[in-house]
PDB file of all heavy atoms in Angstrom:
ATOM      1  N   ARG A   1       4.175  26.251 -40.756  1.00  0.00           N
ATOM      2  CA  ARG A   1       5.550  26.526 -41.194  1.00  0.00           C
ATOM      3  C   ARG A   1       6.529  25.457 -40.726  1.00  0.00           C
ATOM      4  O   ARG A   1       7.615  25.317 -41.292  1.00  0.00           O
ATOM      5  CB  ARG A   1       6.016  27.891 -40.682  1.00  0.00           C
ATOM      6  CG  ARG A   1       5.232  29.061 -41.266  1.00  0.00           C
ATOM      7  CD  ARG A   1       5.670  30.358 -40.649  1.00  0.00           C
ATOM      8  NE  ARG A   1       5.397  30.353 -39.207  1.00  0.00           N
ATOM      9  CZ  ARG A   1       5.876  31.252 -38.353  1.00  0.00           C
ATOM     10  NH1 ARG A   1       6.678  32.219 -38.779  1.00  0.00           N
ATOM     11  NH2 ARG A   1       5.567  31.176 -37.068  1.00  0.00           N
ATOM     12  N   VAL A   2       6.178  24.682 -39.691  1.00  0.00           N
ATOM     13  CA  VAL A   2       7.088  23.659 -39.164  1.00  0.00           C
ATOM     14  C   VAL A   2       7.062  22.401 -40.031  1.00  0.00           C
ATOM     15  O   VAL A   2       8.045  21.669 -40.099  1.00  0.00           O
ATOM     16  CB  VAL A   2       6.752  23.332 -37.692  1.00  0.00           C
ATOM     17  CG1 VAL A   2       7.669  22.252 -37.126  1.00  0.00           C
ATOM     18  CG2 VAL A   2       6.827  24.597 -36.841  1.00  0.00           C
ATOM     19  N   TYR A   3       5.943  22.161 -40.730  1.00  0.00           N
ATOM     20  CA  TYR A   3       5.839  20.976 -41.597  1.00  0.00           C
ATOM     21  C   TYR A   3       6.702  21.197 -42.832  1.00  0.00           C
ATOM     22  O   TYR A   3       6.578  22.208 -43.524  1.00  0.00           O
ATOM     23  CB  TYR A   3       4.382  20.737 -42.000  1.00  0.00           C
ATOM     24  CG  TYR A   3       4.209  19.568 -42.931  1.00  0.00           C
ATOM     25  CD1 TYR A   3       4.341  18.274 -42.464  1.00  0.00           C
ATOM     26  CD2 TYR A   3       3.935  19.764 -44.276  1.00  0.00           C
ATOM     27  CE1 TYR A   3       4.203  17.186 -43.309  1.00  0.00           C
ATOM     28  CE2 TYR A   3       3.780  18.685 -45.132  1.00  0.00           C
ATOM     29  CZ  TYR A   3       3.917  17.403 -44.647  1.00  0.00           C
ATOM     30  OH  TYR A   3       3.778  16.335 -45.497  1.00  0.00           O
ATOM     31  N   ASP A   4       7.602  20.257 -43.111  1.00  0.00           N
ATOM     32  CA  ASP A   4       8.459  20.300 -44.299  1.00  0.00           C
ATOM     33  C   ASP A   4       9.280  21.586 -44.360  1.00  0.00           C
ATOM     34  O   ASP A   4       9.514  22.141 -45.432  1.00  0.00           O
ATOM     35  CB  ASP A   4       7.616  20.126 -45.567  1.00  0.00           C
ATOM     36  CG  ASP A   4       8.447  19.674 -46.754  1.00  0.00           C
ATOM     37  OD1 ASP A   4       9.506  19.063 -46.548  1.00  0.00           O
ATOM     38  OD2 ASP A   4       8.032  19.952 -47.902  1.00  0.00           O
ATOM     39  N   ALA A   5       9.717  22.079 -43.191  1.00  0.00           N
ATOM     40  CA  ALA A   5      10.407  23.356 -43.111  1.00  0.00           C
ATOM     41  C   ALA A   5      11.909  23.214 -43.223  1.00  0.00           C
ATOM     42  O   ALA A   5      12.497  22.250 -42.735  1.00  0.00           O
ATOM     43  CB  ALA A   5      10.064  24.030 -41.789  1.00  0.00           C
ATOM     44  N   GLY A   6      12.508  24.211 -43.807  1.00  0.00           N
ATOM     45  CA  GLY A   6      13.955  24.331 -43.840  1.00  0.00           C
ATOM     46  C   GLY A   6      14.413  25.237 -42.714  1.00  0.00           C
ATOM     47  O   GLY A   6      13.610  25.750 -41.921  1.00  0.00           O
ATOM     48  N   LEU A   7      15.697  25.483 -42.671  1.00  0.00           N
ATOM     49  CA  LEU A   7      16.285  26.246 -41.583  1.00  0.00           C
ATOM     50  C   LEU A   7      15.711  27.659 -41.462  1.00  0.00           C
ATOM     51  O   LEU A   7      15.375  28.106 -40.366  1.00  0.00           O
ATOM     52  CB  LEU A   7      17.808  26.301 -41.737  1.00  0.00           C
ATOM     53  CG  LEU A   7      18.553  27.098 -40.674  1.00  0.00           C
ATOM     54  CD1 LEU A   7      18.276  26.544 -39.284  1.00  0.00           C
ATOM     55  CD2 LEU A   7      20.033  27.118 -40.985  1.00  0.00           C
ATOM     56  N   SER A   8      15.591  28.375 -42.562  1.00  0.00           N
ATOM     57  CA  SER A   8      15.125  29.767 -42.466  1.00  0.00           C
ATOM     58  C   SER A   8      13.709  29.845 -41.906  1.00  0.00           C
ATOM     59  O   SER A   8      13.409  30.712 -41.083  1.00  0.00           O
ATOM     60  CB  SER A   8      15.236  30.485 -43.811  1.00  0.00           C
ATOM     61  OG  SER A   8      14.438  29.852 -44.782  1.00  0.00           O
ATOM     62  N   ALA A   9      12.838  28.938 -42.322  1.00  0.00           N
ATOM     63  CA  ALA A   9      11.464  28.936 -41.798  1.00  0.00           C
ATOM     64  C   ALA A   9      11.461  28.594 -40.313  1.00  0.00           C
ATOM     65  O   ALA A   9      10.716  29.204 -39.524  1.00  0.00           O
ATOM     66  CB  ALA A   9      10.599  27.945 -42.575  1.00  0.00           C
ATOM     67  N   LEU A  10      12.278  27.633 -39.902  1.00  0.00           N
ATOM     68  CA  LEU A  10      12.320  27.243 -38.492  1.00  0.00           C
ATOM     69  C   LEU A  10      12.910  28.350 -37.622  1.00  0.00           C
ATOM     70  O   LEU A  10      12.430  28.588 -36.505  1.00  0.00           O
ATOM     71  CB  LEU A  10      13.094  25.940 -38.328  1.00  0.00           C
ATOM     72  CG  LEU A  10      12.373  24.720 -38.908  1.00  0.00           C
ATOM     73  CD1 LEU A  10      13.313  23.526 -38.971  1.00  0.00           C
ATOM     74  CD2 LEU A  10      11.120  24.394 -38.113  1.00  0.00           C
ATOM     75  N   LEU A  11      13.914  29.040 -38.124  1.00  0.00           N
ATOM     76  CA  LEU A  11      14.439  30.191 -37.378  1.00  0.00           C
ATOM     77  C   LEU A  11      13.360  31.257 -37.215  1.00  0.00           C
ATOM     78  O   LEU A  11      13.230  31.854 -36.140  1.00  0.00           O
ATOM     79  CB  LEU A  11      15.674  30.774 -38.075  1.00  0.00           C
ATOM     80  CG  LEU A  11      16.971  30.009 -37.883  1.00  0.00           C
ATOM     81  CD1 LEU A  11      18.066  30.568 -38.799  1.00  0.00           C
ATOM     82  CD2 LEU A  11      17.427  30.050 -36.430  1.00  0.00           C
ATOM     83  N   ALA A  12      12.559  31.486 -38.252  1.00  0.00           N
ATOM     84  CA  ALA A  12      11.466  32.464 -38.154  1.00  0.00           C
ATOM     85  C   ALA A  12      10.438  32.031 -37.106  1.00  0.00           C
ATOM     86  O   ALA A  12       9.925  32.861 -36.354  1.00  0.00           O
ATOM     87  CB  ALA A  12      10.802  32.648 -39.515  1.00  0.00           C
ATOM     88  N   VAL A  13      10.154  30.748 -37.047  1.00  0.00           N
ATOM     89  CA  VAL A  13       9.214  30.229 -36.043  1.00  0.00           C
ATOM     90  C   VAL A  13       9.747  30.491 -34.641  1.00  0.00           C
ATOM     91  O   VAL A  13       9.033  30.997 -33.769  1.00  0.00           O
ATOM     92  CB  VAL A  13       8.961  28.715 -36.272  1.00  0.00           C
ATOM     93  CG1 VAL A  13       8.266  28.080 -35.083  1.00  0.00           C
ATOM     94  CG2 VAL A  13       8.142  28.502 -37.542  1.00  0.00           C
ATOM     95  N   VAL A  14      11.006  30.147 -34.400  1.00  0.00           N
ATOM     96  CA  VAL A  14      11.600  30.348 -33.073  1.00  0.00           C
ATOM     97  C   VAL A  14      11.652  31.835 -32.732  1.00  0.00           C
ATOM     98  O   VAL A  14      11.291  32.245 -31.622  1.00  0.00           O
ATOM     99  CB  VAL A  14      13.007  29.709 -32.994  1.00  0.00           C
ATOM    100  CG1 VAL A  14      13.722  30.102 -31.707  1.00  0.00           C
ATOM    101  CG2 VAL A  14      12.900  28.193 -33.115  1.00  0.00           C
ATOM    102  N   ARG A  15      12.054  32.652 -33.680  1.00  0.00           N
ATOM    103  CA  ARG A  15      12.153  34.104 -33.436  1.00  0.00           C
ATOM    104  C   ARG A  15      10.792  34.724 -33.131  1.00  0.00           C
ATOM    105  O   ARG A  15      10.720  35.761 -32.480  1.00  0.00           O
ATOM    106  CB  ARG A  15      12.780  34.788 -34.636  1.00  0.00           C
ATOM    107  CG  ARG A  15      14.252  34.492 -34.794  1.00  0.00           C
ATOM    108  CD  ARG A  15      14.808  35.106 -36.055  1.00  0.00           C
ATOM    109  NE  ARG A  15      16.199  34.749 -36.246  1.00  0.00           N
ATOM    110  CZ  ARG A  15      16.754  34.530 -37.426  1.00  0.00           C
ATOM    111  NH1 ARG A  15      16.057  34.655 -38.551  1.00  0.00           N
ATOM    112  NH2 ARG A  15      18.021  34.203 -37.500  1.00  0.00           N
ATOM    113  N   GLY A  16       9.739  34.093 -33.598  1.00  0.00           N
ATOM    114  CA  GLY A  16       8.398  34.607 -33.360  1.00  0.00           C
ATOM    115  C   GLY A  16       7.731  34.060 -32.109  1.00  0.00           C
ATOM    116  O   GLY A  16       6.568  34.369 -31.835  1.00  0.00           O
ATOM    117  N   ALA A  17       8.456  33.251 -31.334  1.00  0.00           N
ATOM    118  CA  ALA A  17       7.876  32.685 -30.108  1.00  0.00           C
ATOM    119  C   ALA A  17       7.534  33.804 -29.128  1.00  0.00           C
ATOM    120  O   ALA A  17       8.190  34.850 -29.114  1.00  0.00           O
ATOM    121  CB  ALA A  17       8.854  31.703 -29.473  1.00  0.00           C
ATOM    122  N   PRO A  18       6.525  33.589 -28.299  1.00  0.00           N
ATOM    123  CA  PRO A  18       6.147  34.621 -27.326  1.00  0.00           C
ATOM    124  C   PRO A  18       7.334  34.979 -26.420  1.00  0.00           C
ATOM    125  O   PRO A  18       8.001  34.082 -25.897  1.00  0.00           O
ATOM    126  CB  PRO A  18       5.031  33.959 -26.515  1.00  0.00           C
ATOM    127  CG  PRO A  18       4.499  32.882 -27.400  1.00  0.00           C
ATOM    128  CD  PRO A  18       5.659  32.414 -28.226  1.00  0.00           C
ATOM    129  N   PRO A  19       7.590  36.254 -26.241  1.00  0.00           N
ATOM    130  CA  PRO A  19       8.742  36.661 -25.442  1.00  0.00           C
ATOM    131  C   PRO A  19       8.648  36.240 -23.976  1.00  0.00           C
ATOM    132  O   PRO A  19       9.666  36.148 -23.291  1.00  0.00           O
ATOM    133  CB  PRO A  19       8.771  38.184 -25.575  1.00  0.00           C
ATOM    134  CG  PRO A  19       7.458  38.572 -26.134  1.00  0.00           C
ATOM    135  CD  PRO A  19       6.873  37.375 -26.813  1.00  0.00           C
ATOM    136  N   THR A  20       7.451  35.951 -23.498  1.00  0.00           N
ATOM    137  CA  THR A  20       7.291  35.522 -22.105  1.00  0.00           C
ATOM    138  C   THR A  20       7.693  34.066 -21.892  1.00  0.00           C
ATOM    139  O   THR A  20       7.895  33.645 -20.757  1.00  0.00           O
ATOM    140  CB  THR A  20       5.833  35.709 -21.655  1.00  0.00           C
ATOM    141  OG1 THR A  20       4.982  35.015 -22.573  1.00  0.00           O
ATOM    142  CG2 THR A  20       5.460  37.178 -21.605  1.00  0.00           C
ATOM    143  N   SER A  21       7.825  33.306 -22.962  1.00  0.00           N
ATOM    144  CA  SER A  21       8.211  31.896 -22.856  1.00  0.00           C
ATOM    145  C   SER A  21       9.680  31.782 -22.482  1.00  0.00           C
ATOM    146  O   SER A  21      10.541  32.415 -23.085  1.00  0.00           O
ATOM    147  CB  SER A  21       7.954  31.181 -24.186  1.00  0.00           C
ATOM    148  OG  SER A  21       8.436  29.872 -24.131  1.00  0.00           O
ATOM    149  N   ARG A  22       9.968  30.942 -21.497  1.00  0.00           N
ATOM    150  CA  ARG A  22      11.348  30.703 -21.073  1.00  0.00           C
ATOM    151  C   ARG A  22      11.870  29.371 -21.622  1.00  0.00           C
ATOM    152  O   ARG A  22      13.070  29.186 -21.752  1.00  0.00           O
ATOM    153  CB  ARG A  22      11.444  30.690 -19.548  1.00  0.00           C
ATOM    154  CG  ARG A  22      10.929  31.932 -18.872  1.00  0.00           C
ATOM    155  CD  ARG A  22      11.659  33.191 -19.195  1.00  0.00           C
ATOM    156  NE  ARG A  22      13.045  33.119 -18.756  1.00  0.00           N
ATOM    157  CZ  ARG A  22      13.979  33.971 -19.114  1.00  0.00           C
ATOM    158  NH1 ARG A  22      13.695  34.958 -19.927  1.00  0.00           N
ATOM    159  NH2 ARG A  22      15.202  33.848 -18.686  1.00  0.00           N
ATOM    160  N   ALA A  23      10.954  28.432 -21.890  1.00  0.00           N
ATOM    161  CA  ALA A  23      11.345  27.104 -22.375  1.00  0.00           C
ATOM    162  C   ALA A  23      10.399  26.726 -23.518  1.00  0.00           C
ATOM    163  O   ALA A  23       9.225  26.454 -23.299  1.00  0.00           O
ATOM    164  CB  ALA A  23      11.277  26.076 -21.256  1.00  0.00           C
ATOM    165  N   LEU A  24      10.916  26.714 -24.716  1.00  0.00           N
ATOM    166  CA  LEU A  24      10.139  26.475 -25.930  1.00  0.00           C
ATOM    167  C   LEU A  24      10.497  25.123 -26.527  1.00  0.00           C
ATOM    168  O   LEU A  24      11.676  24.823 -26.723  1.00  0.00           O
ATOM    169  CB  LEU A  24      10.443  27.573 -26.953  1.00  0.00           C
ATOM    170  CG  LEU A  24       9.830  27.418 -28.338  1.00  0.00           C
ATOM    171  CD1 LEU A  24       8.311  27.577 -28.281  1.00  0.00           C
ATOM    172  CD2 LEU A  24      10.439  28.440 -29.296  1.00  0.00           C
ATOM    173  N   MET A  25       9.468  24.324 -26.817  1.00  0.00           N
ATOM    174  CA  MET A  25       9.672  23.063 -27.524  1.00  0.00           C
ATOM    175  C   MET A  25       9.137  23.213 -28.944  1.00  0.00           C
ATOM    176  O   MET A  25       8.028  23.697 -29.136  1.00  0.00           O
ATOM    177  CB  MET A  25       8.943  21.915 -26.827  1.00  0.00           C
ATOM    178  CG  MET A  25       9.011  20.594 -27.592  1.00  0.00           C
ATOM    179  SD  MET A  25       8.055  19.266 -26.812  1.00  0.00           S
ATOM    180  CE  MET A  25       9.338  18.538 -25.830  1.00  0.00           C
ATOM    181  N   VAL A  26       9.942  22.790 -29.918  1.00  0.00           N
ATOM    182  CA  VAL A  26       9.503  22.726 -31.306  1.00  0.00           C
ATOM    183  C   VAL A  26       9.454  21.251 -31.670  1.00  0.00           C
ATOM    184  O   VAL A  26      10.448  20.536 -31.517  1.00  0.00           O
ATOM    185  CB  VAL A  26      10.456  23.487 -32.248  1.00  0.00           C
ATOM    186  CG1 VAL A  26      10.002  23.344 -33.698  1.00  0.00           C
ATOM    187  CG2 VAL A  26      10.548  24.961 -31.850  1.00  0.00           C
ATOM    188  N   VAL A  27       8.286  20.787 -32.135  1.00  0.00           N
ATOM    189  CA  VAL A  27       8.103  19.387 -32.533  1.00  0.00           C
ATOM    190  C   VAL A  27       7.911  19.358 -34.044  1.00  0.00           C
ATOM    191  O   VAL A  27       6.936  19.913 -34.550  1.00  0.00           O
ATOM    192  CB  VAL A  27       6.892  18.743 -31.819  1.00  0.00           C
ATOM    193  CG1 VAL A  27       6.786  17.261 -32.186  1.00  0.00           C
ATOM    194  CG2 VAL A  27       6.981  18.927 -30.313  1.00  0.00           C
ATOM    195  N   GLY A  28       8.849  18.721 -34.740  1.00  0.00           N
ATOM    196  CA  GLY A  28       8.774  18.724 -36.189  1.00  0.00           C
ATOM    197  C   GLY A  28       9.425  17.515 -36.822  1.00  0.00           C
ATOM    198  O   GLY A  28       9.438  16.423 -36.240  1.00  0.00           O
ATOM    199  N   HIS A  29       9.958  17.737 -38.005  1.00  0.00           N
ATOM    200  CA  HIS A  29      10.414  16.668 -38.895  1.00  0.00           C
ATOM    201  C   HIS A  29      11.884  16.871 -39.269  1.00  0.00           C
ATOM    202  O   HIS A  29      12.406  17.970 -39.194  1.00  0.00           O
ATOM    203  CB  HIS A  29       9.581  16.702 -40.184  1.00  0.00           C
ATOM    204  CG  HIS A  29       8.120  16.824 -39.936  1.00  0.00           C
ATOM    205  ND1 HIS A  29       7.283  15.733 -39.874  1.00  0.00           N
ATOM    206  CD2 HIS A  29       7.326  17.911 -39.719  1.00  0.00           C
ATOM    207  CE1 HIS A  29       6.048  16.138 -39.636  1.00  0.00           C
ATOM    208  NE2 HIS A  29       6.050  17.451 -39.540  1.00  0.00           N
TER     209      HIS A  29
END
């Protein structure tokens, strides 16, 4: 979903991150 993604897809990716994570890195385009 991060490849060639627009804002709505990227927000969904972030919202779906594991709740135990305190520092999340997203590497994309």
